[in-house]
Amino acid sequence: MMKKTSVLLSLVLALSFAPVHASSAAEKENNPVMRVLVLDNRDSMSLAVKGTYRIYSMPSEKLLTGGYILHTKVRASEQGIMFGARKLKFSKIRITVPEGALIYLDGRSFRGIVDIIKKDNMKLAVINRITLEEYLYGVLYNEVSHRWPIEAIKAQGIAARTFALYQARQNKLQDYDMTNDIYSQVYSGATSERWSTTRAVKLTLGKILIFKSGIFPTYYHATCGGRTEDAANLWNIDIEPLKGSECGFCKESPHYKWTKNIPLSEIEKKLSDNGYKIGKIKSVTAMARNKSGRVDKIEIRDDSDVSCVLTGKDFRRMMGPNDVRSANFEPSVNNDKLVLSGIGWGHGVGMCQWGANGMAGHGRNAEEILKIYYPGAKVTTIDKIADKL
């Protein structure tokens, strides 16, 4: 009986696997594989598969084991990777499943392939290798509401697809293309897939934005507050599609206006931690604003008349993007607190997501929305510029 079961399992393993990436050269160009860091610096993690699986050592791609139904704990050891109670003498392993099946990491489900790496610091890093289109399935729900008009979600899909390709190109020599957080794009795998967001990805299959025949970083943010920001004010990038544009459609955003009270003692500590020598704060003044209305320079003065000047970008970064939601604010000191009265949420560059929602509600389609937020850019498909990626 055991022998028959073993033969049957081997047959299932041999027949059921399909590659995670596209099978033809043309399909690979249109739907390349993304490498997304989904867990990092972990002491341990749970791993589960419902169905057939294979485990390989990397980079040799030697088959180590396989089976049907897996649930185990993974952690790093001096010898390699501990897979449950079993020591695998490898610093990198790969788990594959049949096309369409899922891998569960700490309870969250992911499509594609999973690489587990033992780092030099004896921690684990996990990279999800997934096709671009399936990656977007797990992104859009985290970036916009799945209840928004489909044209707004489609606009987000095209922007997110372009941004993913841009990051993959920038990081092709690194271990991964993107992280799964706000510093790349928020990605939660199959756990965050919804019907409307998946539909938007499929309706925009392969569509991207280009400028002068090449892709560019299609930044986006929650709410601009009336005008988007010039990327040159924040980063070393100066191109027409990211110079900023007018937006009158985000006023319905819950983030359009905000107020934040920050204890002066907290600001004094953060200034000190960042190398600024200043005593008890007496005043905070917006010295200059840029074309979009955002604070360009802010002066902080103490009760001994000593002052320091920061850029609006550096002040926001120092205090944190959740406390200072945007650089478009009016500061005032009230007793022992700094009161910020602000407009918008995010860095302000590129597409205003709530503005896109408002435009779609007024009948604009995805491409019309994108042309407003990325002036000078045009929509094309990946296959048209594959040689430039």
Protein backbone atom coordinates (compact mmCIF):
# COMPACT_ATOMS: atom_id res chain seq x y z
CA MET A 1 0.00 0.00 0.00
CA MET A 2 2.82 2.43 0.86
CA LYS A 3 4.56 1.69 -2.46
CA LYS A 4 1.40 2.45 -4.48
CA THR A 5 0.91 5.72 -2.61
CA SER A 6 4.50 6.74 -3.31
CA VAL A 7 4.14 5.99 -7.02
CA LEU A 8 0.88 7.93 -7.18
CA LEU A 9 2.44 10.93 -5.41
CA SER A 10 5.37 10.92 -7.83
CA LEU A 11 2.95 10.88 -10.75
CA VAL A 12 0.98 13.81 -9.29
CA LEU A 13 4.16 15.80 -8.78
CA ALA A 14 5.34 15.09 -12.31
CA LEU A 15 2.07 16.07 -14.03
CA SER A 16 0.65 18.89 -11.96
CA PHE A 17 3.34 21.54 -12.09
CA ALA A 18 3.26 24.47 -14.48
CA PRO A 19 5.88 27.26 -14.45
CA VAL A 20 5.02 30.44 -12.58
CA HIS A 21 6.28 32.60 -15.42
CA ALA A 22 4.91 32.83 -18.93
CA SER A 23 5.89 29.99 -21.24
CA SER A 24 6.71 31.84 -24.46
CA ALA A 25 9.22 34.61 -25.09
CA ALA A 26 6.43 36.99 -26.14
CA GLU A 27 4.45 36.30 -22.97
CA LYS A 28 7.54 36.90 -20.83
CA GLU A 29 7.96 40.31 -22.41
CA ASN A 30 4.33 41.25 -21.75
CA ASN A 31 4.12 39.71 -18.28
CA PRO A 32 7.57 39.60 -16.69
CA VAL A 33 8.27 38.11 -13.28
CA MET A 34 8.54 40.55 -10.35
CA ARG A 35 10.61 39.86 -7.22
CA VAL A 36 8.87 41.27 -4.16
CA LEU A 37 10.33 41.25 -0.64
CA VAL A 38 7.34 40.25 1.50
CA LEU A 39 9.06 39.36 4.80
CA ASP A 40 12.41 40.52 6.13
CA ASN A 41 14.60 40.11 9.20
CA ARG A 42 12.38 37.41 10.62
CA ASP A 43 13.47 34.94 13.30
CA SER A 44 10.86 32.49 12.10
CA MET A 45 7.73 32.17 9.97
CA SER A 46 4.99 29.68 9.27
CA LEU A 47 4.69 28.17 5.79
CA ALA A 48 1.76 26.19 4.43
CA VAL A 49 0.70 24.74 1.08
CA LYS A 50 -2.64 23.10 0.34
CA GLY A 51 -1.79 20.82 -2.55
CA THR A 52 1.38 19.63 -4.26
CA TYR A 53 4.67 21.42 -3.75
CA ARG A 54 8.39 21.14 -4.51
CA ILE A 55 11.39 22.51 -2.64
CA TYR A 56 14.67 23.30 -4.42
CA SER A 57 18.08 24.45 -3.27
CA MET A 58 19.20 27.66 -4.94
CA PRO A 59 20.97 28.66 -7.09
CA SER A 60 21.66 25.05 -8.16
CA GLU A 61 17.89 24.36 -8.60
CA LYS A 62 18.43 20.87 -7.18
CA LEU A 63 15.17 19.23 -6.11
CA LEU A 64 15.31 18.57 -2.38
CA THR A 65 11.85 17.27 -1.63
CA GLY A 66 8.20 17.51 -2.54
CA GLY A 67 4.83 16.29 -1.44
CA TYR A 68 1.19 17.07 -0.89
CA ILE A 69 0.00 19.39 1.92
CA LEU A 70 2.66 21.24 3.85
CA HIS A 71 2.53 23.07 7.14
CA THR A 72 5.77 23.87 8.90
CA LYS A 73 7.83 26.43 10.79
CA VAL A 74 10.87 27.93 9.10
CA ARG A 75 13.81 29.56 10.86
CA ALA A 76 17.51 30.18 10.32
CA SER A 77 20.27 28.05 11.86
CA GLU A 78 24.06 28.02 11.67
CA GLN A 79 23.91 25.07 9.27
CA GLY A 80 21.36 26.66 6.95
CA ILE A 81 17.59 26.82 7.05
CA MET A 82 15.54 24.88 9.60
CA PHE A 83 12.46 23.51 7.88
CA GLY A 84 10.40 22.28 10.78
CA ALA A 85 12.75 19.88 12.62
CA ARG A 86 14.78 19.26 9.47
CA LYS A 87 18.04 21.07 8.74
CA LEU A 88 18.54 22.05 5.12
CA LYS A 89 22.21 22.90 4.56
CA PHE A 90 21.42 25.70 2.17
CA SER A 91 21.19 29.46 2.59
CA LYS A 92 18.48 29.78 -0.06
CA ILE A 93 15.58 27.51 -0.94
CA ARG A 94 12.68 27.85 -3.36
CA ILE A 95 9.12 26.58 -2.91
CA THR A 96 7.02 26.05 -6.03
CA VAL A 97 3.40 25.03 -6.46
CA PRO A 98 1.23 24.37 -9.54
CA GLU A 99 0.01 27.40 -11.46
CA GLY A 100 -3.01 28.91 -9.71
CA ALA A 101 -2.19 27.35 -6.32
CA LEU A 102 -1.30 29.42 -3.26
CA ILE A 103 1.50 29.50 -0.71
CA TYR A 104 0.63 30.70 2.81
CA LEU A 105 3.15 32.78 4.76
CA ASP A 106 2.14 33.60 8.32
CA GLY A 107 -1.47 33.09 7.26
CA ARG A 108 -1.36 35.35 4.19
CA SER A 109 -1.75 33.73 0.77
CA PHE A 110 0.54 34.35 -2.19
CA ARG A 111 0.55 33.29 -5.80
CA GLY A 112 3.72 32.33 -7.66
CA ILE A 113 7.01 31.13 -6.22
CA VAL A 114 8.57 31.81 -2.80
CA ASP A 115 12.30 32.09 -2.13
CA ILE A 116 13.48 31.86 1.49
CA ILE A 117 16.93 33.28 2.21
CA LYS A 118 19.07 32.98 5.32
CA LYS A 119 20.80 36.35 5.72
CA ASP A 120 24.24 37.00 7.22
CA ASN A 121 22.57 38.28 10.41
CA MET A 122 20.85 34.90 10.93
CA LYS A 123 17.47 36.32 9.99
CA LEU A 124 15.10 35.22 7.22
CA ALA A 125 14.06 37.16 4.14
CA VAL A 126 11.25 35.96 1.88
CA ILE A 127 10.88 36.98 -1.76
CA ASN A 128 7.72 36.32 -3.75
CA ARG A 129 8.44 35.75 -7.45
CA ILE A 130 5.24 36.54 -9.29
CA THR A 131 4.14 37.66 -12.73
CA LEU A 132 3.52 41.38 -13.11
CA GLU A 133 -0.22 41.02 -13.71
CA GLU A 134 -0.77 38.77 -10.69
CA TYR A 135 1.37 41.12 -8.61
CA LEU A 136 -1.03 43.93 -9.50
CA TYR A 137 -3.97 41.80 -8.32
CA GLY A 138 -2.45 42.06 -4.84
CA VAL A 139 -1.62 45.78 -5.06
CA LEU A 140 -4.69 47.71 -6.21
CA TYR A 141 -6.97 46.94 -3.26
CA ASN A 142 -4.29 48.34 -0.92
CA GLU A 143 -3.84 51.52 -2.95
CA VAL A 144 -7.42 52.54 -3.84
CA SER A 145 -10.95 51.60 -2.81
CA HIS A 146 -12.37 48.63 -4.70
CA ARG A 147 -15.71 50.47 -4.56
CA TRP A 148 -14.48 53.39 -6.66
CA PRO A 149 -15.53 53.83 -10.32
CA ILE A 150 -13.79 51.32 -12.57
CA GLU A 151 -12.06 54.06 -14.60
CA ALA A 152 -10.30 55.34 -11.45
CA ILE A 153 -9.17 51.81 -10.58
CA LYS A 154 -7.97 51.28 -14.17
CA ALA A 155 -5.93 54.50 -13.96
CA GLN A 156 -4.36 53.18 -10.76
CA GLY A 157 -3.64 49.87 -12.47
CA ILE A 158 -1.75 51.51 -15.33
CA ALA A 159 0.22 53.76 -12.97
CA ALA A 160 1.06 50.84 -10.65
CA ARG A 161 2.11 48.61 -13.56
CA THR A 162 4.45 51.31 -14.87
CA PHE A 163 5.90 52.00 -11.43
CA ALA A 164 6.58 48.28 -10.89
CA LEU A 165 8.44 48.02 -14.19
CA TYR A 166 10.45 51.13 -13.38
CA GLN A 167 11.50 49.74 -10.01
CA ALA A 168 12.36 46.36 -11.53
CA ARG A 169 14.63 48.09 -14.03
CA GLN A 170 16.28 50.20 -11.31
CA ASN A 171 16.88 47.18 -9.05
CA LYS A 172 17.70 44.44 -11.56
CA LEU A 173 21.13 43.87 -9.97
CA GLN A 174 19.65 43.61 -6.45
CA ASP A 175 18.11 40.58 -4.71
CA TYR A 176 14.60 41.96 -5.19
CA ASP A 177 12.80 44.57 -7.28
CA MET A 178 10.39 45.94 -4.68
CA THR A 179 9.32 45.80 -1.08
CA ASN A 180 5.68 45.26 -0.16
CA ASP A 181 5.17 48.53 1.71
CA ILE A 182 4.68 52.26 1.11
CA TYR A 183 8.29 52.61 0.00
CA SER A 184 7.44 50.66 -3.15
CA GLN A 185 3.78 49.71 -3.49
CA VAL A 186 1.63 48.11 -0.80
CA TYR A 187 1.27 44.43 -1.75
CA SER A 188 -0.48 41.76 0.30
CA GLY A 189 -0.61 38.89 -2.16
CA ALA A 190 -3.78 37.00 -2.96
CA THR A 191 -5.16 37.93 0.48
CA SER A 192 -6.01 41.41 -0.83
CA GLU A 193 -7.49 40.47 -4.21
CA ARG A 194 -11.01 41.73 -4.98
CA TRP A 195 -13.23 41.26 -8.01
CA SER A 196 -13.26 44.91 -9.12
CA THR A 197 -9.53 45.49 -8.73
CA THR A 198 -8.68 42.26 -10.54
CA ARG A 199 -11.09 43.28 -13.30
CA ALA A 200 -9.31 46.63 -13.63
CA VAL A 201 -5.97 44.85 -14.05
CA LYS A 202 -7.40 42.59 -16.74
CA LEU A 203 -9.08 45.49 -18.57
CA THR A 204 -5.72 47.31 -18.73
CA LEU A 205 -3.62 44.22 -19.53
CA GLY A 206 -0.08 45.28 -20.40
CA LYS A 207 -0.88 49.01 -20.51
CA ILE A 208 1.79 51.39 -19.22
CA LEU A 209 2.76 55.06 -19.36
CA ILE A 210 5.81 56.28 -21.25
CA PHE A 211 7.52 59.60 -21.82
CA LYS A 212 9.83 60.06 -24.81
CA SER A 213 9.65 56.32 -25.57
CA GLY A 214 10.69 55.23 -22.07
CA ILE A 215 9.08 54.41 -18.75
CA PHE A 216 9.38 56.77 -15.80
CA PRO A 217 8.49 56.60 -12.08
CA THR A 218 4.71 57.11 -12.07
CA TYR A 219 4.43 58.35 -8.50
CA TYR A 220 1.01 58.73 -6.95
CA HIS A 221 -0.43 59.78 -3.60
CA ALA A 222 -3.72 59.94 -1.73
CA THR A 223 -4.81 63.61 -1.94
CA CYS A 224 -3.04 66.60 -3.50
CA GLY A 225 -5.24 69.35 -2.05
CA GLY A 226 -5.68 71.26 -5.30
CA ARG A 227 -2.37 71.01 -7.13
CA THR A 228 0.17 68.21 -7.50
CA GLU A 229 3.83 68.74 -6.65
CA ASP A 230 6.87 69.13 -8.91
CA ALA A 231 9.03 66.04 -8.35
CA ALA A 232 12.14 68.21 -8.69
CA ASN A 233 11.25 69.79 -5.33
CA LEU A 234 11.63 66.40 -3.64
CA TRP A 235 13.93 64.17 -5.67
CA ASN A 236 16.54 64.29 -8.39
CA ILE A 237 14.04 63.99 -11.22
CA ASP A 238 12.97 66.77 -13.55
CA ILE A 239 10.66 65.67 -16.37
CA GLU A 240 7.50 67.14 -17.84
CA PRO A 241 5.01 64.48 -16.62
CA LEU A 242 6.07 65.10 -13.00
CA LYS A 243 6.18 68.92 -13.00
CA GLY A 244 2.76 69.19 -11.31
CA SER A 245 -0.77 69.93 -12.52
CA GLU A 246 -3.99 71.49 -11.32
CA CYS A 247 -6.56 69.24 -9.66
CA GLY A 248 -10.00 70.34 -8.59
CA PHE A 249 -11.47 66.91 -7.93
CA CYS A 250 -10.16 65.75 -4.55
CA LYS A 251 -12.24 67.95 -2.25
CA GLU A 252 -14.41 64.98 -1.24
CA SER A 253 -11.36 63.22 0.17
CA PRO A 254 -11.44 62.68 3.95
CA HIS A 255 -7.80 63.78 3.88
CA TYR A 256 -8.40 67.07 2.08
CA LYS A 257 -8.09 69.08 5.32
CA TRP A 258 -6.39 67.99 8.50
CA THR A 259 -5.13 69.35 11.81
CA LYS A 260 -2.37 67.96 13.97
CA ASN A 261 -1.19 69.04 17.45
CA ILE A 262 2.41 68.03 18.17
CA PRO A 263 4.03 68.61 21.60
CA LEU A 264 6.95 71.01 21.28
CA SER A 265 9.04 68.68 23.44
CA GLU A 266 8.65 65.98 20.80
CA ILE A 267 9.89 68.33 18.06
CA GLU A 268 12.80 69.47 20.22
CA LYS A 269 13.87 65.86 20.77
CA LYS A 270 13.67 64.98 17.08
CA LEU A 271 15.63 68.09 16.15
CA SER A 272 18.31 67.12 18.66
CA ASP A 273 18.37 63.52 17.37
CA ASN A 274 18.91 64.90 13.86
CA GLY A 275 21.81 67.12 14.84
CA TYR A 276 20.05 70.49 15.27
CA LYS A 277 21.08 72.48 18.35
CA ILE A 278 18.06 74.37 19.59
CA GLY A 279 16.49 75.04 22.98
CA LYS A 280 12.86 75.50 23.99
CA ILE A 281 10.87 76.32 20.87
CA LYS A 282 9.26 79.75 20.75
CA SER A 283 8.01 79.96 17.15
CA VAL A 284 7.63 77.95 13.95
CA THR A 285 7.20 79.84 10.68
CA ALA A 286 6.71 78.86 7.06
CA MET A 287 9.38 81.04 5.43
CA ALA A 288 8.74 80.14 1.79
CA ARG A 289 6.33 78.12 -0.32
CA ASN A 290 6.76 76.65 -3.77
CA LYS A 291 4.45 76.87 -6.78
CA SER A 292 2.12 74.17 -5.47
CA GLY A 293 1.62 75.99 -2.15
CA ARG A 294 3.65 73.48 -0.15
CA VAL A 295 6.17 74.65 2.44
CA ASP A 296 9.60 75.02 0.87
CA LYS A 297 11.42 76.26 4.01
CA ILE A 298 10.38 76.29 7.63
CA GLU A 299 12.10 78.24 10.43
CA ILE A 300 12.10 77.03 14.03
CA ARG A 301 13.24 79.57 16.63
CA ASP A 302 13.88 79.02 20.34
CA ASP A 303 13.48 81.35 23.35
CA SER A 304 17.15 82.42 23.08
CA ASP A 305 16.50 83.59 19.52
CA VAL A 306 18.54 80.71 18.07
CA SER A 307 16.94 79.33 14.92
CA CYS A 308 17.27 76.52 12.42
CA VAL A 309 15.85 76.25 8.92
CA LEU A 310 14.62 73.00 7.37
CA THR A 311 13.06 72.22 4.04
CA GLY A 312 9.41 71.24 4.18
CA LYS A 313 10.41 67.80 2.89
CA ASP A 314 12.97 67.28 5.67
CA PHE A 315 10.59 68.51 8.37
CA ARG A 316 7.89 66.08 7.20
CA ARG A 317 10.36 63.21 7.02
CA MET A 318 11.69 64.03 10.50
CA MET A 319 8.25 64.20 12.11
CA GLY A 320 6.78 61.30 10.13
CA PRO A 321 4.28 61.24 7.24
CA ASN A 322 1.36 60.30 9.46
CA ASP A 323 1.81 63.29 11.77
CA VAL A 324 2.63 65.73 8.97
CA ARG A 325 0.35 64.38 6.27
CA SER A 326 1.61 66.75 3.59
CA ALA A 327 3.98 69.67 3.22
CA ASN A 328 1.03 71.97 2.55
CA PHE A 329 0.38 73.26 6.06
CA GLU A 330 0.20 76.43 8.15
CA PRO A 331 2.14 76.19 11.45
CA SER A 332 1.46 78.03 14.70
CA VAL A 333 2.62 77.62 18.29
CA ASN A 334 -0.07 77.41 20.94
CA ASN A 335 1.22 77.05 24.50
CA ASP A 336 3.37 73.90 24.48
CA LYS A 337 2.16 72.52 21.15
CA LEU A 338 2.73 73.07 17.46
CA VAL A 339 -0.58 73.27 15.63
CA LEU A 340 -0.48 72.31 11.95
CA SER A 341 -3.47 73.10 9.74
CA GLY A 342 -2.90 71.22 6.52
CA ILE A 343 -4.30 70.21 3.15
CA GLY A 344 -3.81 66.87 1.41
CA TRP A 345 -2.04 63.60 2.22
CA GLY A 346 1.16 62.34 0.65
CA HIS A 347 4.17 63.68 -1.20
CA GLY A 348 1.88 65.20 -3.82
CA VAL A 349 3.75 64.01 -6.92
CA GLY A 350 1.98 62.39 -9.88
CA MET A 351 -1.56 61.07 -9.72
CA CYS A 352 -3.88 62.26 -6.96
CA GLN A 353 -5.87 59.12 -6.16
CA TRP A 354 -8.88 60.92 -4.70
CA GLY A 355 -8.73 63.33 -7.63
CA ALA A 356 -8.81 60.35 -10.02
CA ASN A 357 -11.86 59.08 -8.16
CA GLY A 358 -13.53 62.48 -8.54
CA MET A 359 -12.69 62.68 -12.25
CA ALA A 360 -14.04 59.19 -12.90
CA GLY A 361 -17.23 60.18 -11.10
CA HIS A 362 -17.55 63.06 -13.59
CA GLY A 363 -17.22 60.78 -16.60
CA ARG A 364 -13.48 60.88 -17.33
CA ASN A 365 -11.94 57.60 -18.48
CA ALA A 366 -8.63 56.16 -17.24
CA GLU A 367 -6.49 57.53 -20.06
CA GLU A 368 -7.98 61.01 -19.73
CA ILE A 369 -7.24 60.96 -16.01
CA LEU A 370 -3.64 59.89 -16.57
CA LYS A 371 -3.03 62.59 -19.18
CA ILE A 372 -4.03 65.24 -16.64
CA TYR A 373 -1.77 63.97 -13.88
CA TYR A 374 1.16 63.00 -16.11
CA PRO A 375 1.14 65.72 -18.81
CA GLY A 376 3.19 64.82 -21.86
CA ALA A 377 3.08 61.08 -21.15
CA LYS A 378 1.18 58.62 -23.29
CA VAL A 379 -0.36 55.19 -22.78
CA THR A 380 1.11 52.26 -24.67
CA THR A 381 1.66 48.54 -24.02
CA ILE A 382 4.71 46.69 -22.69
CA ASP A 383 5.38 44.82 -25.92
CA LYS A 384 5.84 48.13 -27.78
CA ILE A 385 8.86 49.12 -25.65
CA ALA A 386 10.12 45.69 -24.50
CA ASP A 387 13.57 46.41 -25.94
CA LYS A 388 13.91 49.46 -23.66
CA LEU A 389 13.08 47.69 -20.39
